Amino acid sequence: MTESSSFQRVLPVADLPAGAKKPLSIDGRPLLLCNANGKLHAIANVCSHNEKPLERGRVGNGWIACPTHGARFDLVTGKAMCLPATQPIAVYDVRVVDDWIEVAVPV
């Protein structure tokens, strides 16, 4: 988290079991929460290649694939892992406090 970010409480941990994804919006910013093998990730819910939502994409070992053209993004860094995407997507810090998932978003 940077100095210009703050954590926002978004979802109870119990509502995001392993393998689940949950689209949400914070301050008009479309985000996607993913529970990949028990590790929580928050990413921009938009493909950098075609600006389509990633929420229906397949989650693999540390990545998510765009359901439209198959571009893959690293869930930790946001880096584009294969074409047609060449630009990264935004990623956000995640923490759990009192059984709630919190996401750091720019303020």
Protein backbone atom coordinates (compact mmCIF):
# COMPACT_ATOMS: atom_id res chain seq x y z
CA MET A 1 0.00 0.00 0.00
CA THR A 2 1.23 3.48 -0.79
CA GLU A 3 0.69 6.60 1.30
CA SER A 4 -2.13 7.61 -1.02
CA SER A 5 -4.10 4.37 -0.54
CA SER A 6 -6.49 3.26 2.14
CA PHE A 7 -7.96 -0.13 2.96
CA GLN A 8 -11.69 -0.57 2.37
CA ARG A 9 -13.70 -3.39 3.95
CA VAL A 10 -15.39 -5.22 1.08
CA LEU A 11 -16.51 -8.79 1.85
CA PRO A 12 -16.59 -11.38 4.63
CA VAL A 13 -13.87 -14.01 4.10
CA ALA A 14 -16.53 -16.76 4.28
CA ASP A 15 -18.18 -15.31 1.15
CA LEU A 16 -15.10 -15.99 -1.01
CA PRO A 17 -14.21 -19.69 -0.74
CA ALA A 18 -11.20 -21.21 -2.50
CA GLY A 19 -11.61 -20.99 -6.27
CA ALA A 20 -14.22 -18.23 -6.10
CA LYS A 21 -14.23 -14.81 -7.77
CA LYS A 22 -16.32 -11.79 -6.83
CA PRO A 23 -16.69 -8.65 -8.94
CA LEU A 24 -17.20 -5.43 -7.03
CA SER A 25 -16.80 -1.70 -7.41
CA ILE A 26 -15.06 0.70 -5.04
CA ASP A 27 -15.49 4.40 -5.77
CA GLY A 28 -16.48 3.55 -9.35
CA ARG A 29 -13.39 1.39 -9.88
CA PRO A 30 -14.28 -2.13 -11.15
CA LEU A 31 -12.36 -4.74 -9.14
CA LEU A 32 -12.27 -8.51 -9.03
CA LEU A 33 -11.51 -10.45 -5.87
CA CYS A 34 -10.07 -13.92 -6.45
CA ASN A 35 -9.37 -16.72 -4.01
CA ALA A 36 -6.73 -18.73 -5.87
CA ASN A 37 -5.67 -21.78 -3.88
CA GLY A 38 -6.45 -20.00 -0.62
CA LYS A 39 -4.53 -16.83 -1.55
CA LEU A 40 -6.58 -13.67 -1.92
CA HIS A 41 -5.98 -11.28 -4.81
CA ALA A 42 -7.62 -8.03 -5.90
CA ILE A 43 -7.18 -6.95 -9.50
CA ALA A 44 -8.75 -4.54 -11.96
CA ASN A 45 -11.79 -6.24 -13.47
CA VAL A 46 -10.87 -5.14 -16.97
CA CYS A 47 -8.60 -6.62 -19.61
CA SER A 48 -5.89 -4.19 -20.70
CA HIS A 49 -6.20 -5.46 -24.27
CA ASN A 50 -9.90 -5.00 -24.97
CA GLU A 51 -11.36 -3.45 -21.81
CA LYS A 52 -13.72 -6.40 -21.26
CA PRO A 53 -14.45 -7.71 -17.73
CA LEU A 54 -12.21 -10.50 -16.41
CA GLU A 55 -14.79 -11.91 -13.99
CA ARG A 56 -15.70 -14.85 -16.26
CA GLY A 57 -12.04 -15.66 -16.91
CA ARG A 58 -10.36 -18.88 -15.86
CA VAL A 59 -8.04 -18.68 -12.86
CA GLY A 60 -4.94 -20.87 -12.99
CA ASN A 61 -1.82 -21.22 -10.91
CA GLY A 62 -1.20 -17.53 -10.17
CA TRP A 63 -2.92 -16.11 -13.26
CA ILE A 64 -6.29 -15.17 -14.72
CA ALA A 65 -7.21 -15.48 -18.40
CA CYS A 66 -9.39 -12.99 -20.24
CA PRO A 67 -12.53 -14.86 -21.38
CA THR A 68 -12.64 -12.90 -24.64
CA HIS A 69 -9.22 -13.45 -26.25
CA GLY A 70 -7.31 -15.57 -23.72
CA ALA A 71 -4.77 -12.98 -22.59
CA ARG A 72 -3.32 -13.99 -19.21
CA PHE A 73 -2.38 -11.74 -16.33
CA ASP A 74 -0.27 -12.47 -13.25
CA LEU A 75 -2.49 -12.17 -10.16
CA VAL A 76 0.35 -10.79 -8.02
CA THR A 77 1.98 -8.28 -10.36
CA GLY A 78 -0.74 -7.67 -12.96
CA LYS A 79 1.84 -8.29 -15.70
CA ALA A 80 0.50 -9.40 -19.09
CA MET A 81 1.79 -12.95 -19.56
CA CYS A 82 0.81 -13.56 -23.17
CA LEU A 83 -0.64 -11.91 -26.24
CA PRO A 84 -2.82 -10.27 -27.26
CA ALA A 85 -2.37 -8.20 -24.07
CA THR A 86 0.88 -6.29 -23.72
CA GLN A 87 0.00 -3.91 -20.87
CA PRO A 88 -0.45 -4.89 -17.22
CA ILE A 89 -3.64 -4.60 -15.20
CA ALA A 90 -3.84 -2.91 -11.82
CA VAL A 91 -3.42 -5.02 -8.69
CA TYR A 92 -4.36 -4.01 -5.17
CA ASP A 93 -3.08 -5.02 -1.74
CA VAL A 94 -5.41 -7.30 0.20
CA ARG A 95 -5.58 -8.09 3.90
CA VAL A 96 -7.96 -9.85 6.26
CA VAL A 97 -9.10 -8.08 9.43
CA ASP A 98 -11.68 -9.59 11.79
CA ASP A 99 -12.74 -12.12 9.12
CA TRP A 100 -13.33 -9.39 6.54
CA ILE A 101 -11.43 -8.91 3.29
CA GLU A 102 -10.05 -5.41 2.90
CA VAL A 103 -8.62 -3.95 -0.31
CA ALA A 104 -6.23 -0.98 -0.55
CA VAL A 105 -7.44 1.49 -3.13
CA PRO A 106 -6.03 4.87 -4.13
CA VAL A 107 -7.61 7.86 -2.42
